[in-house]
Amino acid sequence: MGLWRKEIREEAKKQLWLAGPMIFVYVFQFSLPMISLMFVGHLGELFLAAVSLSTSIVNSTGFNVMLGLSSALDTFCGQSYGAKQYHMLGVHTQGAMLVLILVSIPVSIIWVYLEPILVLLHQNKEVAALAQLYARYLIPSLSASALVRCITKFLQTQNIVFPMVLASGLTSLLHLLLCWVFIQKFEFGIKGSAIAFCISKWFHTIFLALYVRFSPSCKATWTGFSKQSLHNIPNFLRLAFPSAVMVCLESWTFEIIVILSGVLANPKLQTSVLSICLNTTGIFVMVPFGLSAAGSTRISNELGAGSPKAAYLAVKVTMFLAFLVGLLEFSVLMSLWKVWGRAFTNVPEVLTHLISMMPIVATSAFVDSIQTAFQGVARGCGWQKLGAFINLGSYYFLGVPFSIVSAFVFHMKGKGLFLGIVLALTVQVVCFLLVTLSANWEKEARRAVARVGGTEVQIEESQDKVIVVEGLADMVRKVVALNRLKGVKIGVNRTQGEEFNLGREGDNRRRKAEKGLNEVRQSSDEATKGWN
């Protein structure tokens, strides 16, 4: 039991050491569009509406797609690192960069012709025109986002996180300064906001690229550009496509909910309330995102190393930490449920509706914490295809229909829309829990080794070590029990590990105990020959 507790503590330390910095990375990345909106908001309601709409569209069609595609590197790079196939991390990353850059081309075309699409969706023509203008100026940031997503996964799966904190923190500060210069000082308007965003994104990308190129930490994993990356693209796409589907299906649901809120009676009120609720969950999900990234890294590393028991232990620790975080977030939101809305608005009617919504939002934060952690487990194991089907069923077969029925048939309005999200999150948790509990972790380890081009010797060695250690422990217990029956007092000196302190009960008994110990040592020597 003591050994088991020690393993749990060590695993929790490893995950928290990764999760802490990754939380800051996600917060800093999330701050860029928020800073832009803060500055644009002072230009007027029309510009704020246009940038908000454009940001929503570019996230759904571009940045979230890049995030989803790059998530396949959680599996490939994480498991390659665990398998000590260090050079393959650079190979997988290069292939991913090429794929994401190519995907950015059709996405850019959509952004160029965004206005007619928005008008077709019954958006205001003036707002649609400005939204298209903003999206066009954001196009250079799309390729930067594609590269930085891949570099982030490349570093994260090697447990190199502090340079990412520094890079993302400096990027946020730079973006704040650039927004002030271009919007306030030079009065470029929403163009200035987009230009500032592009410069900040490329600064972030170049900073991390230079670190990878010159840091000794990446010497073994980045060995220069390789043609092998082209041959690995088909394998990458087999995971990248379902990864993108898994991420996009979830993010698109929230956009659908916002659109539906505009169809309700008093749409301005309902949209305002739901926007604040969604922003709240977006803020609180940063901590689960960090835990999810840490869990994904630890699980993929252990599976790649051929250690199924260690991988399953990492899963348990990840879910336990996510459960604690969920409880904490639920408690915080419920303790602030009557005053939280004042951080966003002073309109009495909006505040009244927010107070009634906060218990649902708090429940959503709790469930979402667990669901986000399960998404990390899925990425670490390579379950993206299964995750895509779970998300499809949870959101589009259950969540969204439930939202529509609750809001429009039972007249629950905004509450009904948000309850559909909670239902979808709950179904996701149940499905991923069943998958995790029924998983054969030795089989998952074999799949991981096969995926990264390793051999099953890694798994066999890991299992042999466990068997031999358990066998040695069993023999020691038998020797101790046998000699105790004969009246010999035996103690184990834990600092020496193999020496027995025998009681003074006679030379014959001492010789018998020593003979038994010698047999254990001989068995140990024979067993360890296979390891070396």
Protein backbone atom coordinates (compact mmCIF):
# COMPACT_ATOMS: atom_id res chain seq x y z
CA MET A 1 0.00 0.00 0.00
CA GLY A 2 2.88 2.36 0.84
CA LEU A 3 4.50 1.72 -2.54
CA TRP A 4 1.17 2.30 -4.32
CA ARG A 5 0.66 5.61 -2.52
CA LYS A 6 4.19 6.67 -3.42
CA GLU A 7 3.54 5.91 -7.11
CA ILE A 8 0.33 7.97 -7.00
CA ARG A 9 2.15 10.90 -5.37
CA GLU A 10 4.94 10.78 -7.93
CA GLU A 11 2.49 10.65 -10.82
CA ALA A 12 0.45 13.54 -9.39
CA LYS A 13 3.64 15.61 -9.04
CA LYS A 14 4.58 14.94 -12.66
CA GLN A 15 1.16 15.93 -13.91
CA LEU A 16 0.91 19.06 -11.78
CA TRP A 17 4.41 20.08 -12.88
CA LEU A 18 3.14 19.94 -16.46
CA ALA A 19 -0.40 21.23 -15.87
CA GLY A 20 0.58 24.39 -13.97
CA PRO A 21 2.61 25.98 -16.80
CA MET A 22 0.18 24.76 -19.46
CA ILE A 23 -2.68 26.57 -17.69
CA PHE A 24 -0.74 29.83 -18.03
CA VAL A 25 -0.03 29.04 -21.69
CA TYR A 26 -3.75 28.59 -22.42
CA VAL A 27 -4.69 31.71 -20.45
CA PHE A 28 -2.17 33.83 -22.35
CA GLN A 29 -3.35 32.41 -25.70
CA PHE A 30 -6.98 33.04 -24.74
CA SER A 31 -6.10 36.64 -23.80
CA LEU A 32 -5.15 37.71 -27.36
CA PRO A 33 -8.69 37.91 -28.84
CA MET A 34 -9.97 39.26 -25.52
CA ILE A 35 -7.46 42.12 -25.60
CA SER A 36 -8.47 42.89 -29.19
CA LEU A 37 -12.16 43.00 -28.23
CA MET A 38 -11.41 45.28 -25.26
CA PHE A 39 -9.76 47.88 -27.51
CA VAL A 40 -12.27 47.54 -30.36
CA GLY A 41 -15.14 47.95 -27.89
CA HIS A 42 -14.11 51.57 -27.43
CA LEU A 43 -14.56 52.26 -31.15
CA GLY A 44 -18.32 51.78 -31.07
CA GLU A 45 -21.09 49.19 -30.97
CA LEU A 46 -20.95 48.52 -34.72
CA PHE A 47 -17.23 47.73 -34.72
CA LEU A 48 -17.56 45.58 -31.60
CA ALA A 49 -20.39 43.57 -33.19
CA ALA A 50 -18.39 43.11 -36.42
CA VAL A 51 -15.20 41.97 -34.66
CA SER A 52 -17.16 39.68 -32.30
CA LEU A 53 -18.93 38.07 -35.26
CA SER A 54 -15.71 37.79 -37.27
CA THR A 55 -13.83 36.30 -34.31
CA SER A 56 -16.54 33.68 -33.87
CA ILE A 57 -16.39 32.70 -37.56
CA VAL A 58 -12.58 32.62 -37.87
CA ASN A 59 -12.35 30.51 -34.72
CA SER A 60 -14.93 28.03 -36.03
CA THR A 61 -13.57 27.75 -39.56
CA GLY A 62 -9.86 28.29 -38.97
CA PHE A 63 -8.18 28.35 -35.59
CA ASN A 64 -10.21 25.49 -34.10
CA VAL A 65 -9.52 23.41 -37.21
CA MET A 66 -5.79 24.00 -36.70
CA LEU A 67 -6.11 23.06 -33.05
CA GLY A 68 -7.95 19.86 -33.93
CA LEU A 69 -5.51 18.78 -36.64
CA SER A 70 -2.47 19.45 -34.46
CA SER A 71 -4.01 17.37 -31.64
CA ALA A 72 -2.93 14.24 -33.50
CA LEU A 73 0.62 15.16 -32.43
CA ASP A 74 -0.44 14.51 -28.82
CA THR A 75 -0.58 10.86 -29.83
CA PHE A 76 2.30 10.60 -32.31
CA CYS A 77 4.87 12.81 -30.57
CA GLY A 78 3.90 11.71 -27.05
CA GLN A 79 4.13 8.01 -27.81
CA SER A 80 7.33 8.43 -29.88
CA TYR A 81 8.95 10.23 -26.95
CA GLY A 82 7.92 7.45 -24.58
CA ALA A 83 9.32 4.85 -27.00
CA LYS A 84 12.61 6.82 -27.14
CA GLN A 85 12.17 7.31 -30.88
CA TYR A 86 13.31 10.88 -30.33
CA HIS A 87 14.06 11.81 -33.94
CA MET A 88 10.49 10.89 -34.89
CA LEU A 89 9.11 13.85 -32.93
CA GLY A 90 10.66 16.21 -35.46
CA VAL A 91 9.51 14.04 -38.35
CA HIS A 92 5.89 13.95 -37.16
CA THR A 93 5.91 17.69 -36.44
CA GLN A 94 7.24 18.57 -39.89
CA GLY A 95 4.54 16.51 -41.59
CA ALA A 96 1.88 18.15 -39.42
CA MET A 97 3.19 21.63 -40.30
CA LEU A 98 2.92 20.89 -44.00
CA VAL A 99 -0.63 19.56 -43.68
CA LEU A 100 -1.80 22.52 -41.59
CA ILE A 101 -0.25 25.06 -43.97
CA LEU A 102 -2.03 23.41 -46.91
CA VAL A 103 -5.35 23.42 -45.01
CA SER A 104 -4.94 27.13 -44.31
CA ILE A 105 -5.25 27.89 -48.07
CA PRO A 106 -8.95 26.94 -48.51
CA VAL A 107 -9.73 28.45 -45.10
CA SER A 108 -8.18 31.74 -46.25
CA ILE A 109 -10.42 31.70 -49.34
CA ILE A 110 -13.48 31.37 -47.08
CA TRP A 111 -12.32 34.38 -45.08
CA VAL A 112 -11.79 36.44 -48.24
CA TYR A 113 -15.43 35.91 -49.27
CA LEU A 114 -16.94 35.97 -45.79
CA GLU A 115 -19.46 38.77 -46.40
CA PRO A 116 -21.80 36.90 -48.79
CA ILE A 117 -21.73 33.89 -46.45
CA LEU A 118 -22.78 36.03 -43.50
CA VAL A 119 -25.48 37.79 -45.52
CA LEU A 120 -26.78 34.38 -46.55
CA LEU A 121 -27.02 33.61 -42.80
CA HIS A 122 -29.22 36.71 -42.39
CA GLN A 123 -26.58 38.86 -40.72
CA ASN A 124 -26.67 42.65 -40.98
CA LYS A 125 -24.96 43.74 -44.23
CA GLU A 126 -22.95 46.53 -42.62
CA VAL A 127 -21.75 44.22 -39.86
CA ALA A 128 -20.99 41.48 -42.40
CA ALA A 129 -18.86 43.86 -44.51
CA LEU A 130 -16.75 44.92 -41.53
CA ALA A 131 -16.48 41.30 -40.33
CA GLN A 132 -15.11 40.32 -43.76
CA LEU A 133 -12.61 43.19 -43.64
CA TYR A 134 -11.38 42.06 -40.22
CA ALA A 135 -11.13 38.42 -41.35
CA ARG A 136 -9.11 39.36 -44.45
CA TYR A 137 -6.55 41.20 -42.35
CA LEU A 138 -6.31 38.14 -40.06
CA ILE A 139 -5.29 35.79 -42.90
CA PRO A 140 -1.49 36.11 -42.25
CA SER A 141 -2.07 34.93 -38.66
CA LEU A 142 -3.60 31.65 -39.87
CA SER A 143 -0.31 30.17 -41.11
CA ALA A 144 1.42 31.39 -37.95
CA SER A 145 -1.25 29.66 -35.88
CA ALA A 146 -0.72 26.46 -37.90
CA LEU A 147 3.01 26.46 -37.14
CA VAL A 148 2.78 27.47 -33.49
CA ARG A 149 0.18 24.79 -32.75
CA CYS A 150 2.55 22.11 -34.04
CA ILE A 151 5.56 23.53 -32.18
CA THR A 152 3.53 23.70 -28.97
CA LYS A 153 2.60 20.01 -29.23
CA PHE A 154 6.22 19.17 -30.11
CA LEU A 155 7.48 20.81 -26.90
CA GLN A 156 4.59 19.77 -24.66
CA THR A 157 5.01 16.05 -25.36
CA GLN A 158 8.67 16.34 -24.29
CA ASN A 159 7.63 17.97 -21.00
CA ILE A 160 9.26 21.24 -22.10
CA VAL A 161 6.69 23.76 -20.89
CA PHE A 162 8.38 26.76 -19.27
CA PRO A 163 9.70 28.24 -22.56
CA MET A 164 6.11 28.15 -23.81
CA VAL A 165 4.95 30.10 -20.74
CA LEU A 166 7.62 32.74 -21.41
CA ALA A 167 6.79 32.94 -25.12
CA SER A 168 3.02 33.19 -24.66
CA GLY A 169 3.38 35.69 -21.79
CA LEU A 170 5.63 37.98 -23.84
CA THR A 171 3.23 37.64 -26.78
CA SER A 172 0.31 38.82 -24.64
CA LEU A 173 2.28 41.85 -23.46
CA LEU A 174 3.36 42.64 -27.01
CA HIS A 175 -0.23 42.34 -28.25
CA LEU A 176 -1.43 44.73 -25.56
CA LEU A 177 1.18 47.29 -26.65
CA LEU A 178 0.50 46.81 -30.37
CA CYS A 179 -3.27 47.21 -29.92
CA TRP A 180 -2.68 50.50 -28.13
CA VAL A 181 -0.30 51.70 -30.85
CA PHE A 182 -2.38 50.70 -33.89
CA ILE A 183 -5.87 51.37 -32.51
CA GLN A 184 -5.42 54.27 -30.09
CA LYS A 185 -2.29 55.99 -31.38
CA PHE A 186 -2.45 55.49 -35.17
CA GLU A 187 -6.26 55.15 -35.26
CA PHE A 188 -6.27 52.22 -37.70
CA GLY A 189 -9.55 50.96 -36.26
CA ILE A 190 -10.39 47.27 -36.62
CA LYS A 191 -7.60 46.97 -39.22
CA GLY A 192 -5.16 47.89 -36.48
CA SER A 193 -6.57 45.19 -34.22
CA ALA A 194 -6.10 42.53 -36.90
CA ILE A 195 -2.58 43.75 -37.77
CA ALA A 196 -1.61 43.65 -34.09
CA PHE A 197 -2.95 40.10 -33.83
CA CYS A 198 -0.95 38.94 -36.87
CA ILE A 199 2.30 40.46 -35.61
CA SER A 200 1.77 38.94 -32.17
CA LYS A 201 1.10 35.49 -33.64
CA TRP A 202 4.22 35.57 -35.79
CA PHE A 203 6.30 36.80 -32.83
CA HIS A 204 5.06 33.82 -30.83
CA THR A 205 5.85 31.43 -33.67
CA ILE A 206 9.36 32.78 -34.35
CA PHE A 207 10.22 32.79 -30.64
CA LEU A 208 9.37 29.10 -30.22
CA ALA A 209 10.95 28.16 -33.57
CA LEU A 210 14.25 29.74 -32.51
CA TYR A 211 14.08 27.91 -29.19
CA VAL A 212 13.60 24.57 -30.95
CA ARG A 213 16.43 25.31 -33.37
CA PHE A 214 19.06 26.40 -30.83
CA SER A 215 18.06 24.83 -27.50
CA PRO A 216 20.08 21.77 -26.34
CA SER A 217 16.80 20.34 -24.99
CA CYS A 218 15.58 19.73 -28.55
CA LYS A 219 18.87 18.50 -30.01
CA ALA A 220 17.79 14.85 -30.07
CA THR A 221 14.21 15.49 -31.18
CA TRP A 222 14.79 18.11 -33.89
CA THR A 223 17.49 16.89 -36.27
CA GLY A 224 16.59 19.11 -39.21
CA PHE A 225 14.10 18.74 -42.03
CA SER A 226 13.60 15.20 -43.29
CA LYS A 227 11.94 13.68 -46.35
CA GLN A 228 10.61 10.99 -44.04
CA SER A 229 7.99 13.47 -42.85
CA LEU A 230 6.33 13.26 -46.26
CA HIS A 231 5.98 9.48 -46.00
CA ASN A 232 4.35 9.81 -42.56
CA ILE A 233 1.63 12.21 -43.70
CA PRO A 234 -0.94 9.45 -44.53
CA ASN A 235 -0.58 8.02 -40.99
CA PHE A 236 -0.87 11.52 -39.55
CA LEU A 237 -4.07 12.21 -41.50
CA ARG A 238 -5.70 9.03 -40.15
CA LEU A 239 -5.63 10.60 -36.70
CA ALA A 240 -5.61 14.29 -37.63
CA PHE A 241 -8.94 14.25 -39.45
CA PRO A 242 -10.94 12.64 -36.60
CA SER A 243 -9.04 14.90 -34.16
CA ALA A 244 -10.25 17.96 -36.06
CA VAL A 245 -13.78 16.57 -36.21
CA MET A 246 -13.73 15.87 -32.47
CA VAL A 247 -12.68 19.46 -31.65
CA CYS A 248 -14.83 21.22 -34.25
CA LEU A 249 -18.04 19.34 -33.45
CA GLU A 250 -17.77 20.58 -29.89
CA SER A 251 -16.85 24.19 -30.71
CA TRP A 252 -19.50 24.50 -33.43
CA THR A 253 -22.17 23.50 -30.92
CA PHE A 254 -21.56 26.65 -28.90
CA GLU A 255 -21.84 28.77 -32.04
CA ILE A 256 -25.16 27.08 -32.85
CA ILE A 257 -26.42 27.84 -29.34
CA VAL A 258 -25.53 31.53 -29.72
CA ILE A 259 -27.29 31.67 -33.10
CA LEU A 260 -30.38 30.00 -31.62
CA SER A 261 -30.43 32.53 -28.80
CA GLY A 262 -30.89 35.25 -31.44
CA VAL A 263 -34.15 33.61 -32.54
CA LEU A 264 -35.70 33.73 -29.06
CA ALA A 265 -38.03 36.46 -27.88
CA ASN A 266 -36.04 39.50 -26.73
CA PRO A 267 -32.93 38.28 -28.59
CA LYS A 268 -30.65 41.06 -27.33
CA LEU A 269 -31.25 39.99 -23.71
CA GLN A 270 -30.98 36.26 -24.38
CA THR A 271 -27.82 36.63 -26.49
CA SER A 272 -26.19 38.85 -23.86
CA VAL A 273 -26.94 36.37 -21.07
CA LEU A 274 -25.75 33.34 -23.04
CA SER A 275 -22.60 35.15 -24.20
CA ILE A 276 -21.66 35.90 -20.60
CA CYS A 277 -22.38 32.30 -19.58
CA LEU A 278 -20.25 30.92 -22.43
CA ASN A 279 -17.42 33.37 -21.66
CA THR A 280 -17.57 32.25 -18.03
CA THR A 281 -17.20 28.59 -18.95
CA GLY A 282 -14.44 29.58 -21.39
CA ILE A 283 -12.50 31.25 -18.57
CA PHE A 284 -12.95 28.37 -16.12
CA VAL A 285 -12.04 25.67 -18.65
CA MET A 286 -8.44 26.93 -18.79
CA VAL A 287 -7.48 24.86 -15.72
CA PRO A 288 -9.02 21.60 -17.08
CA PHE A 289 -7.26 22.33 -20.40
CA GLY A 290 -3.95 22.35 -18.57
CA LEU A 291 -4.75 19.10 -16.78
CA SER A 292 -5.90 17.58 -20.07
CA ALA A 293 -2.60 18.47 -21.75
CA ALA A 294 -0.59 17.05 -18.84
CA GLY A 295 -2.64 13.86 -18.75
CA SER A 296 -2.37 13.40 -22.51
CA THR A 297 1.42 13.78 -22.35
CA ARG A 298 1.89 11.39 -19.43
CA ILE A 299 -0.43 8.73 -20.87
CA SER A 300 1.09 8.84 -24.34
CA ASN A 301 4.63 8.74 -22.92
CA GLU A 302 3.90 5.67 -20.82
CA LEU A 303 2.07 3.84 -23.61
CA GLY A 304 4.93 4.57 -26.00
CA ALA A 305 7.35 3.23 -23.40
CA GLY A 306 5.36 -0.02 -23.26
CA SER A 307 4.19 0.53 -19.66
CA PRO A 308 0.43 -0.20 -19.60
CA LYS A 309 0.15 -0.17 -15.79
CA ALA A 310 1.88 3.20 -15.53
CA ALA A 311 -0.36 4.55 -18.30
CA TYR A 312 -3.51 3.43 -16.49
CA LEU A 313 -2.20 4.97 -13.27
CA ALA A 314 -1.73 8.25 -15.18
CA VAL A 315 -5.35 8.01 -16.36
CA LYS A 316 -6.59 7.55 -12.79
CA VAL A 317 -4.55 10.48 -11.48
CA THR A 318 -5.69 12.72 -14.33
CA MET A 319 -9.34 11.99 -13.68
CA PHE A 320 -8.99 12.41 -9.93
CA LEU A 321 -7.34 15.82 -10.37
CA ALA A 322 -10.02 16.82 -12.89
CA PHE A 323 -12.73 15.81 -10.41
CA LEU A 324 -11.13 17.99 -7.70
CA VAL A 325 -10.79 20.94 -10.09
CA GLY A 326 -14.43 20.53 -11.14
CA LEU A 327 -15.58 20.59 -7.52
CA LEU A 328 -13.48 23.69 -6.85
CA GLU A 329 -14.86 25.53 -9.88
CA PHE A 330 -18.43 24.55 -8.96
CA SER A 331 -17.89 25.87 -5.42
CA VAL A 332 -16.38 29.15 -6.64
CA LEU A 333 -19.18 29.87 -9.09
CA MET A 334 -21.89 29.00 -6.58
CA SER A 335 -20.30 31.22 -3.96
CA LEU A 336 -20.24 34.12 -6.47
CA TRP A 337 -23.49 33.37 -8.25
CA LYS A 338 -25.19 36.62 -7.21
CA VAL A 339 -22.25 38.94 -7.94
CA TRP A 340 -20.41 37.26 -10.84
CA GLY A 341 -22.49 38.97 -13.51
CA ARG A 342 -21.41 42.44 -12.33
CA ALA A 343 -17.96 41.76 -13.78
CA PHE A 344 -19.59 41.83 -17.24
CA THR A 345 -22.57 44.18 -17.07
CA ASN A 346 -24.61 46.55 -14.89
CA VAL A 347 -27.93 46.08 -16.74
CA PRO A 348 -30.45 44.95 -14.07
CA GLU A 349 -32.47 42.69 -16.39
CA VAL A 350 -29.34 40.85 -17.60
CA LEU A 351 -28.09 40.46 -14.02
CA THR A 352 -31.42 38.96 -12.92
CA HIS A 353 -31.32 36.36 -15.68
CA LEU A 354 -27.66 35.59 -14.96
CA ILE A 355 -28.40 34.85 -11.30
CA SER A 356 -30.99 32.25 -12.33
CA MET A 357 -28.53 30.74 -14.83
CA MET A 358 -25.52 30.43 -12.52
CA PRO A 359 -26.40 27.02 -10.96
CA ILE A 360 -26.57 25.58 -14.49
CA VAL A 361 -23.29 27.29 -15.44
CA ALA A 362 -21.61 25.95 -12.28
CA THR A 363 -22.83 22.43 -13.05
CA SER A 364 -21.55 22.82 -16.60
CA ALA A 365 -18.10 23.85 -15.30
CA PHE A 366 -17.94 20.76 -13.07
CA VAL A 367 -18.94 18.31 -15.81
CA ASP A 368 -16.79 20.08 -18.40
CA SER A 369 -13.72 19.69 -16.20
CA ILE A 370 -14.12 15.90 -16.23
CA GLN A 371 -15.05 15.82 -19.92
CA THR A 372 -11.99 17.90 -20.89
CA ALA A 373 -9.73 15.51 -18.98
CA PHE A 374 -11.27 12.56 -20.83
CA GLN A 375 -10.50 14.33 -24.11
CA GLY A 376 -6.86 14.36 -23.02
CA VAL A 377 -7.02 10.64 -22.26
CA ALA A 378 -8.43 10.05 -25.75
CA ARG A 379 -5.62 12.02 -27.39
CA GLY A 380 -2.96 10.25 -25.37
CA CYS A 381 -4.32 6.83 -26.35
CA GLY A 382 -5.10 7.65 -29.99
CA TRP A 383 -8.89 7.33 -29.57
CA GLN A 384 -9.66 10.38 -31.72
CA LYS A 385 -11.89 8.49 -34.13
CA LEU A 386 -13.95 7.09 -31.29
CA GLY A 387 -14.01 10.55 -29.69
CA ALA A 388 -15.39 12.05 -32.88
CA PHE A 389 -18.33 9.62 -32.86
CA ILE A 390 -18.96 10.26 -29.15
CA ASN A 391 -18.98 14.04 -29.71
CA LEU A 392 -21.25 13.67 -32.74
CA GLY A 393 -23.79 11.65 -30.79
CA SER A 394 -23.55 13.72 -27.60
CA TYR A 395 -23.95 17.14 -29.19
CA TYR A 396 -25.90 16.65 -32.39
CA PHE A 397 -28.12 13.64 -31.61
CA LEU A 398 -28.86 14.64 -28.01
CA GLY A 399 -27.53 18.05 -26.90
CA VAL A 400 -28.67 20.38 -29.67
CA PRO A 401 -32.11 18.71 -30.15
CA PHE A 402 -32.67 18.87 -26.38
CA SER A 403 -31.71 22.57 -26.41
CA ILE A 404 -34.19 23.32 -29.20
CA VAL A 405 -37.04 21.41 -27.55
CA SER A 406 -36.36 22.92 -24.11
CA ALA A 407 -36.01 26.48 -25.39
CA PHE A 408 -38.80 26.62 -27.97
CA VAL A 409 -41.29 23.88 -27.02
CA PHE A 410 -41.12 24.08 -23.22
CA HIS A 411 -40.36 27.84 -23.34
CA MET A 412 -37.30 27.59 -21.08
CA LYS A 413 -35.49 30.07 -23.37
CA GLY A 414 -31.79 30.56 -22.52
CA LYS A 415 -31.91 28.03 -19.70
CA GLY A 416 -33.17 25.39 -22.08
CA LEU A 417 -30.40 26.12 -24.58
CA PHE A 418 -27.71 25.81 -21.91
CA LEU A 419 -29.24 22.66 -20.42
CA GLY A 420 -28.66 20.97 -23.77
CA ILE A 421 -24.94 21.66 -23.42
CA VAL A 422 -24.90 20.20 -19.90
CA LEU A 423 -26.69 17.08 -21.18
CA ALA A 424 -24.15 16.67 -24.01
CA LEU A 425 -21.22 17.06 -21.62
CA THR A 426 -22.73 14.49 -19.24
CA VAL A 427 -23.24 11.96 -22.04
CA GLN A 428 -19.62 12.51 -23.14
CA VAL A 429 -18.37 11.78 -19.64
CA VAL A 430 -20.40 8.58 -19.37
CA CYS A 431 -19.28 7.33 -22.79
CA PHE A 432 -15.59 8.08 -22.23
CA LEU A 433 -15.79 6.53 -18.76
CA LEU A 434 -17.17 3.29 -20.18
CA VAL A 435 -14.49 3.24 -22.88
CA THR A 436 -11.72 3.85 -20.34
CA LEU A 437 -12.94 1.20 -17.91
CA SER A 438 -13.27 -1.41 -20.65
CA ALA A 439 -9.90 -0.64 -22.26
CA ASN A 440 -7.23 -3.35 -22.41
CA TRP A 441 -4.16 -1.32 -21.48
CA GLU A 442 -1.66 -3.96 -22.54
CA LYS A 443 -3.32 -3.94 -25.95
CA GLU A 444 -3.22 -0.14 -26.01
CA ALA A 445 0.50 -0.24 -25.24
CA ARG A 446 1.08 -2.67 -28.12
CA ARG A 447 -0.86 -0.40 -30.45
CA ALA A 448 1.20 2.58 -29.33
CA VAL A 449 4.48 0.76 -29.92
CA ALA A 450 3.29 -0.35 -33.36
CA ARG A 451 2.08 3.18 -34.20
CA VAL A 452 5.47 4.79 -33.53
CA GLY A 453 7.46 2.04 -35.21
CA GLY A 454 8.80 0.38 -32.06
CA THR A 455 8.84 -3.31 -31.12
CA GLU A 456 6.97 -5.37 -28.58
CA VAL A 457 10.24 -6.05 -26.73
CA GLN A 458 9.56 -2.87 -24.73
CA ILE A 459 6.27 -4.23 -23.42
CA GLU A 460 7.67 -7.68 -22.75
CA GLU A 461 10.61 -6.24 -20.80
CA SER A 462 8.26 -4.10 -18.72
CA GLN A 463 5.99 -7.03 -17.96
CA ASP A 464 8.95 -9.37 -17.21
CA LYS A 465 10.29 -6.91 -14.67
CA VAL A 466 6.96 -6.82 -12.89
CA ILE A 467 6.71 -10.63 -12.88
CA VAL A 468 10.26 -11.10 -11.55
CA VAL A 469 9.86 -8.47 -8.85
CA GLU A 470 6.60 -10.04 -7.72
CA GLY A 471 8.25 -13.48 -7.75
CA LEU A 472 11.20 -12.29 -5.66
CA ALA A 473 8.87 -10.66 -3.17
CA ASP A 474 6.90 -13.91 -2.90
CA MET A 475 10.10 -15.95 -2.26
CA VAL A 476 11.27 -13.51 0.40
CA ARG A 477 7.90 -13.78 2.16
CA LYS A 478 8.13 -17.58 2.11
CA VAL A 479 11.65 -17.58 3.59
CA VAL A 480 10.58 -15.15 6.31
CA ALA A 481 7.45 -17.16 7.14
CA LEU A 482 9.35 -20.49 7.20
CA ASN A 483 11.99 -19.28 9.58
CA ARG A 484 9.49 -17.55 11.82
CA LEU A 485 7.70 -20.87 12.20
CA LYS A 486 11.02 -22.31 13.37
CA GLY A 487 11.42 -19.60 15.95
CA VAL A 488 13.91 -17.42 14.08
CA LYS A 489 13.33 -13.71 14.41
CA ILE A 490 13.94 -12.10 11.08
CA GLY A 491 13.97 -8.39 10.20
CA VAL A 492 14.79 -6.63 6.98
CA ASN A 493 17.20 -3.77 6.92
CA ARG A 494 15.46 -1.51 4.37
CA THR A 495 18.56 0.53 3.67
CA GLN A 496 20.57 -2.51 2.64
CA GLY A 497 17.66 -4.29 0.99
CA GLU A 498 18.97 -7.87 1.15
CA GLU A 499 20.54 -8.33 4.61
CA PHE A 500 18.66 -10.28 7.27
CA ASN A 501 19.30 -9.60 10.93
CA LEU A 502 18.75 -12.96 12.56
CA GLY A 503 18.03 -13.41 16.21
CA ARG A 504 20.50 -15.38 18.33
CA GLU A 505 18.62 -18.67 18.25
CA GLY A 506 21.41 -21.06 17.26
CA ASP A 507 23.80 -21.61 14.41
CA ASN A 508 21.67 -24.26 12.70
CA ARG A 509 18.69 -21.97 12.29
CA ARG A 510 20.96 -19.15 11.13
CA ARG A 511 22.50 -21.36 8.44
CA LYS A 512 19.05 -22.45 7.23
CA ALA A 513 17.91 -18.85 6.91
CA GLU A 514 21.09 -17.87 5.08
CA LYS A 515 20.63 -20.82 2.72
CA GLY A 516 17.09 -19.62 1.91
CA LEU A 517 18.34 -16.09 1.30
CA ASN A 518 21.09 -17.35 -1.01
CA GLU A 519 18.44 -19.17 -3.05
CA VAL A 520 16.52 -15.89 -3.39
CA ARG A 521 19.69 -14.07 -4.49
CA GLN A 522 20.49 -16.79 -7.03
CA SER A 523 16.96 -16.57 -8.47
CA SER A 524 17.28 -12.80 -8.64
CA ASP A 525 20.60 -12.99 -10.52
CA GLU A 526 19.21 -15.47 -13.03
CA ALA A 527 16.09 -13.34 -13.60
CA THR A 528 17.96 -10.08 -14.09
CA LYS A 529 20.15 -11.58 -16.82
CA GLY A 530 17.14 -11.30 -19.14
CA TRP A 531 16.81 -7.57 -18.44
CA ASN A 532 20.35 -6.71 -19.37
